[in-house]
Protein backbone atom coordinates (compact mmCIF):
# COMPACT_ATOMS: atom_id res chain seq x y z
CA MET A 1 0.00 0.00 0.00
CA LYS A 2 2.86 2.37 0.84
CA ARG A 3 4.24 1.99 -2.69
CA LEU A 4 0.97 3.30 -4.14
CA ILE A 5 1.13 6.61 -2.29
CA PRO A 6 4.00 8.20 -4.30
CA LEU A 7 2.38 7.02 -7.55
CA PHE A 8 -0.96 8.49 -6.51
CA LEU A 9 0.69 11.80 -5.58
CA CYS A 10 2.54 11.90 -8.91
CA ILE A 11 -0.68 11.31 -10.88
CA PHE A 12 -2.47 13.94 -8.82
CA PHE A 13 0.32 16.50 -9.36
CA VAL A 14 0.44 15.94 -13.13
CA SER A 15 -3.35 16.16 -13.34
CA PHE A 16 -3.27 19.40 -11.35
CA LEU A 17 -0.71 20.95 -13.70
CA LEU A 18 -2.69 19.96 -16.78
CA HIS A 19 -5.94 21.35 -15.47
CA SER A 20 -4.37 24.51 -14.05
CA GLN A 21 -3.36 25.74 -17.49
CA THR A 22 -5.22 28.83 -18.64
CA GLU A 23 -6.81 28.58 -22.07
CA CYS A 24 -7.32 31.41 -24.53
CA LYS A 25 -8.79 31.77 -27.99
CA ILE A 26 -7.47 34.20 -30.59
CA THR A 27 -9.67 35.17 -33.55
CA TYR A 28 -8.25 37.07 -36.50
CA ILE A 29 -10.47 39.91 -37.69
CA ALA A 30 -8.30 41.79 -40.21
CA ASN A 31 -4.87 43.43 -40.53
CA GLU A 32 -3.75 43.95 -36.90
CA GLY A 33 -7.22 43.34 -35.49
CA PHE A 34 -7.87 40.43 -33.13
CA LEU A 35 -10.41 39.20 -30.61
CA ILE A 36 -8.79 37.72 -27.49
CA GLU A 37 -10.96 35.49 -25.29
CA THR A 38 -10.03 33.84 -22.01
CA GLY A 39 -12.30 32.21 -19.45
CA SER A 40 -13.94 35.44 -18.34
CA GLN A 41 -12.42 38.27 -20.40
CA LYS A 42 -12.84 39.51 -23.97
CA ILE A 43 -10.52 42.04 -25.61
CA ILE A 44 -10.66 43.60 -29.06
CA THR A 45 -7.43 45.14 -30.29
CA ASP A 46 -7.01 47.27 -33.45
CA ALA A 47 -10.09 45.71 -35.07
CA LEU A 48 -12.78 48.40 -35.07
CA PHE A 49 -12.29 49.74 -38.58
CA ASP A 50 -14.21 49.64 -41.84
CA ASN A 51 -13.69 48.03 -45.22
CA ILE A 52 -10.88 49.84 -47.06
CA ASP A 53 -10.80 50.38 -50.82
CA GLY A 54 -7.84 48.80 -52.55
CA ASN A 55 -5.76 45.70 -51.90
CA TRP A 56 -3.03 47.29 -49.78
CA CYS A 57 -4.66 46.22 -46.51
CA ASP A 58 -6.57 43.20 -45.27
CA SER A 59 -9.78 44.81 -44.03
CA PRO A 60 -12.94 43.33 -42.45
CA SER A 61 -15.83 42.34 -44.69
CA ASP A 62 -19.10 44.26 -44.60
CA SER A 63 -20.73 41.45 -42.62
CA ILE A 64 -17.97 41.54 -39.97
CA VAL A 65 -18.22 45.33 -39.71
CA ASP A 66 -21.98 45.02 -39.25
CA LEU A 67 -21.50 42.53 -36.39
CA MET A 68 -18.98 44.85 -34.73
CA LYS A 69 -21.19 47.91 -35.04
CA LYS A 70 -24.11 46.05 -33.47
CA ALA A 71 -21.90 44.35 -30.84
CA LEU A 72 -23.32 40.97 -31.87
CA PRO A 73 -21.53 37.63 -31.21
CA PRO A 74 -18.64 37.15 -31.10
CA PHE A 75 -18.27 40.90 -30.45
CA ASN A 76 -20.69 41.00 -27.52
CA ASP A 77 -19.77 41.53 -23.85
CA ILE A 78 -16.38 43.03 -24.67
CA ASP A 79 -14.42 44.20 -21.61
CA LEU A 80 -11.62 46.14 -23.29
CA ILE A 81 -10.84 47.74 -26.64
CA THR A 82 -7.34 48.91 -27.49
CA ILE A 83 -6.41 51.12 -30.44
CA SER A 84 -2.74 51.52 -31.28
CA HIS A 85 -3.06 54.64 -33.45
CA LYS A 86 -5.40 56.68 -35.62
CA HIS A 87 -4.69 55.23 -39.10
CA GLN A 88 -7.73 53.95 -41.00
CA ASP A 89 -6.51 50.34 -41.06
CA HIS A 90 -6.62 50.29 -37.23
CA PHE A 91 -9.40 52.69 -36.27
CA ASN A 92 -12.64 54.03 -37.71
CA GLU A 93 -14.57 56.64 -35.76
CA GLY A 94 -18.01 55.50 -36.94
CA VAL A 95 -17.41 51.83 -36.16
CA VAL A 96 -16.05 52.63 -32.69
CA VAL A 97 -18.96 54.97 -31.87
CA GLN A 98 -21.62 52.48 -32.95
CA PHE A 99 -19.89 49.69 -31.08
CA LEU A 100 -19.73 51.66 -27.83
CA ILE A 101 -23.37 52.69 -28.08
CA ASN A 102 -24.33 49.01 -28.36
CA ASN A 103 -21.71 47.73 -25.87
CA PRO A 104 -21.71 50.47 -23.18
CA GLY A 105 -19.74 48.37 -20.72
CA ALA A 106 -16.56 48.29 -22.83
CA LYS A 107 -13.59 50.52 -22.03
CA VAL A 108 -11.30 51.93 -24.72
CA ILE A 109 -7.59 52.61 -24.30
CA CYS A 110 -6.17 54.74 -27.10
CA PRO A 111 -3.67 57.52 -27.81
CA LYS A 112 -4.79 61.12 -27.43
CA GLN A 113 -4.86 61.56 -31.22
CA VAL A 114 -7.63 58.95 -31.40
CA GLU A 115 -9.54 60.55 -28.52
CA PHE A 116 -9.39 63.89 -30.36
CA VAL A 117 -11.13 62.33 -33.38
CA LEU A 118 -13.78 60.64 -31.21
CA ALA A 119 -14.43 63.89 -29.32
CA GLN A 120 -15.63 65.53 -32.55
CA ASN A 121 -18.46 63.02 -32.84
CA PRO A 122 -21.90 64.40 -31.82
CA ASN A 123 -22.49 61.27 -29.68
CA TYR A 124 -19.24 61.66 -27.73
CA GLY A 125 -21.09 62.52 -24.51
CA LYS A 126 -22.74 59.10 -24.53
CA PHE A 127 -19.44 57.21 -24.24
CA LYS A 128 -16.90 59.77 -23.03
CA LYS A 129 -16.58 57.94 -19.70
CA ASN A 130 -15.52 54.80 -21.59
CA ILE A 131 -12.41 56.42 -23.10
CA ILE A 132 -9.00 56.19 -21.46
CA ALA A 133 -6.65 58.33 -23.55
CA ILE A 134 -2.96 57.92 -22.78
CA THR A 135 0.06 58.93 -24.84
CA PRO A 136 3.27 58.34 -22.90
CA ASP A 137 6.38 60.30 -23.86
CA LEU A 138 8.87 58.58 -26.14
CA TYR A 139 10.69 55.72 -24.37
CA CYS A 140 8.12 55.87 -21.56
CA ASP A 141 5.19 53.68 -20.52
CA SER A 142 2.14 53.77 -18.29
CA ILE A 143 0.36 51.07 -16.30
CA THR A 144 -3.38 50.81 -15.65
CA ALA A 145 -6.06 48.17 -15.05
CA VAL A 146 -9.49 47.65 -16.60
CA SER A 147 -11.97 44.97 -15.53
CA GLY A 148 -9.26 43.03 -13.75
CA ILE A 149 -6.93 43.20 -16.77
CA SER A 150 -3.50 44.69 -16.08
CA ILE A 151 -2.31 46.77 -19.04
CA ARG A 152 1.11 48.25 -19.68
CA ILE A 153 0.95 50.94 -22.35
CA LEU A 154 4.16 51.57 -24.32
CA ARG A 155 4.93 54.51 -26.59
CA LEU A 156 6.42 52.85 -29.66
CA GLU A 157 7.66 54.75 -32.68
CA HIS A 158 5.56 54.14 -35.79
CA SER A 159 7.40 52.38 -38.60
CA HIS A 160 8.88 54.78 -41.13
CA TYR A 161 7.31 55.71 -44.45
CA MET A 162 9.77 57.87 -46.37
CA GLU A 163 8.65 60.26 -49.07
CA GLU A 164 10.07 63.26 -50.90
CA ASP A 165 10.09 66.54 -48.96
CA THR A 166 8.89 68.96 -51.63
CA ILE A 167 9.67 72.01 -49.45
CA HIS A 168 13.14 71.32 -48.06
CA GLY A 169 14.28 68.55 -50.37
CA GLY A 170 15.47 65.08 -49.44
CA GLN A 171 13.32 62.47 -47.70
CA ILE A 172 10.89 62.89 -44.81
CA ASN A 173 9.14 60.31 -42.64
CA ARG A 174 5.40 60.70 -43.22
CA HIS A 175 4.60 58.94 -39.90
CA ARG A 176 6.98 60.92 -37.69
CA ASP A 177 4.14 62.56 -35.70
CA ILE A 178 1.88 59.52 -35.30
CA GLU A 179 1.23 58.44 -31.71
CA ASN A 180 1.60 54.65 -31.86
CA LEU A 181 1.03 52.54 -28.76
CA GLY A 182 2.02 49.01 -27.84
CA PHE A 183 0.15 47.05 -25.18
CA VAL A 184 1.14 44.33 -22.73
CA PHE A 185 -1.94 42.63 -21.26
CA ASN A 186 -1.92 40.29 -18.29
CA VAL A 187 -5.18 38.38 -18.63
CA GLU A 188 -5.72 35.61 -16.09
CA GLY A 189 -1.98 35.00 -15.98
CA ILE A 190 -1.43 35.00 -19.76
CA LYS A 191 0.76 37.83 -21.01
CA PHE A 192 0.03 39.25 -24.45
CA PHE A 193 1.99 41.89 -26.39
CA HIS A 194 0.55 43.89 -29.31
CA CYS A 195 3.03 46.26 -30.96
CA GLY A 196 0.82 48.26 -33.33
CA ASP A 197 2.77 49.63 -36.29
CA THR A 198 6.08 49.56 -34.47
CA ASN A 199 9.49 50.34 -35.94
CA PRO A 200 11.25 46.99 -35.43
CA LEU A 201 14.67 48.59 -35.97
CA ASN A 202 14.40 50.96 -33.00
CA GLU A 203 16.74 49.04 -30.70
CA LYS A 204 17.01 51.86 -28.16
CA GLU A 205 13.25 51.72 -27.63
CA TYR A 206 13.05 47.96 -27.14
CA ALA A 207 16.14 47.92 -24.96
CA SER A 208 14.52 50.47 -22.63
CA PHE A 209 11.24 48.53 -22.23
CA LYS A 210 12.86 45.17 -21.37
CA LEU A 211 9.89 43.14 -22.59
CA LYS A 212 11.88 39.93 -22.34
CA ASP A 213 11.73 40.27 -18.56
CA ALA A 214 7.92 40.29 -18.78
CA GLU A 215 8.00 36.73 -20.17
CA ILE A 216 5.50 37.35 -22.96
CA ASP A 217 3.36 34.31 -23.78
CA ILE A 218 1.79 35.49 -27.04
CA ALA A 219 3.07 38.41 -29.15
CA PHE A 220 1.14 40.00 -32.01
CA LEU A 221 4.01 41.17 -34.17
CA GLU A 222 4.29 43.54 -37.11
CA ARG A 223 5.53 41.44 -40.07
CA LEU A 224 8.41 43.92 -40.49
CA PHE A 225 10.24 42.11 -37.68
CA PHE A 226 10.83 39.34 -40.22
CA SER A 227 11.02 41.32 -43.46
CA LYS A 228 13.65 43.86 -42.36
CA GLY A 229 16.37 41.24 -42.11
CA ALA A 230 18.80 40.01 -39.47
CA GLU A 231 18.87 43.26 -37.47
CA SER A 232 15.16 43.30 -36.64
CA ILE A 233 15.11 39.54 -35.90
CA ALA A 234 18.01 40.04 -33.50
CA ILE A 235 16.06 42.81 -31.71
CA LEU A 236 13.02 40.53 -31.48
CA ASN A 237 15.04 37.67 -29.99
CA LYS A 238 17.10 39.82 -27.63
CA TYR A 239 14.45 42.16 -26.23
CA ILE A 240 11.06 40.41 -26.63
CA ASP A 241 11.57 36.66 -27.05
CA PRO A 242 7.90 35.57 -26.78
CA LYS A 243 6.81 31.95 -26.46
CA GLU A 244 4.28 32.22 -29.30
CA MET A 245 4.06 34.71 -32.17
CA ILE A 246 1.21 35.82 -34.42
CA LEU A 247 2.24 37.84 -37.48
CA MET A 248 0.07 40.74 -38.58
CA HIS A 249 -0.15 43.71 -40.94
CA ILE A 250 0.38 41.47 -43.95
CA ASN A 251 -0.72 42.73 -47.37
CA PRO A 252 -3.31 40.30 -48.82
CA ALA A 253 -1.10 39.80 -51.88
CA ASN A 254 1.67 38.50 -49.59
CA GLN A 255 -0.51 36.38 -47.29
CA GLU A 256 0.26 33.10 -49.04
CA LEU A 257 3.98 33.92 -49.14
CA PHE A 258 4.13 34.45 -45.38
CA SER A 259 1.92 31.42 -44.68
CA ASN A 260 4.12 29.10 -46.71
CA HIS A 261 7.33 30.51 -45.28
CA PHE A 262 6.30 29.92 -41.66
CA LYS A 263 4.20 26.78 -42.19
CA GLU A 264 6.71 24.52 -40.45
CA VAL A 265 7.55 26.93 -37.62
CA GLU A 266 5.58 25.71 -34.62
CA ASN A 267 5.47 28.92 -32.58
CA ILE A 268 4.67 31.36 -35.42
CA LYS A 269 1.11 31.67 -36.69
CA VAL A 270 0.02 33.42 -39.89
CA PHE A 271 -3.75 33.64 -40.29
CA GLU A 272 -4.98 33.04 -43.83
CA ARG A 273 -8.70 33.78 -43.43
CA LYS A 274 -10.69 36.38 -41.52
CA MET A 275 -12.54 35.07 -38.43
CA ASP A 276 -10.31 31.99 -38.19
CA SER A 277 -9.38 31.14 -34.59
CA ILE A 278 -6.60 29.36 -32.74
CA GLY A 279 -6.54 28.11 -29.17
CA TYR A 280 -3.63 28.19 -26.75
CA LYS A 281 -3.03 26.62 -23.35
CA MET A 282 -0.53 28.56 -21.27
């Protein structure tokens, strides 16, 4: 009988570990937009935008936009909405306003540039209390909590888009004044990182935030981390080093290319279809 006790304890301990894992479900909406679901929390990040003309961006279909506007399943009972910046492939004023009117319990964390746009809407008074506008200084962050979700808000430089400066000559970065935010969520013990349209070559920025110390479980990463070459991959490995990665901001014309390239890489996911989901146990 004594010999059975250690075996029983071993089985009990293994069973406890298996059942103590937290599960989450990630649903791809479009571009950098995702729905994150855990046991009791639902987060939408960078998804409340409209269909965009042209093939330069993967945007939500009309039917998906309609569900979001009406806050119908799976977009019902949302606890938190995050918006990284004001560009149209991440944020649409009309979609956000309609969503908040139909889901009045949701809180929104966004940069001040996004709040400024929302404040011009005639219905702003109906949801003003839902908006948490934060734009940390460069190389700075801020920490808050919403509905039991701990959120670290990072000011991350927007990736560069160089164009001709017709006034002074030379090249100028069109996105130099864009307030882009990254988010680290701690949801029921799972740590998520969403980088928005980050500049993956800004080593000083990532060195200062020390995200590797946060032990990120799942990172939603701008595809530029892998398309800028060895330097950006080195920054990813040295300063972030997540357990699982989901690539985003992929032009529809390049979707198949990225999918095929990372098909055999177990911890990197490239979504091929809108509203597809993947489950994780962490």
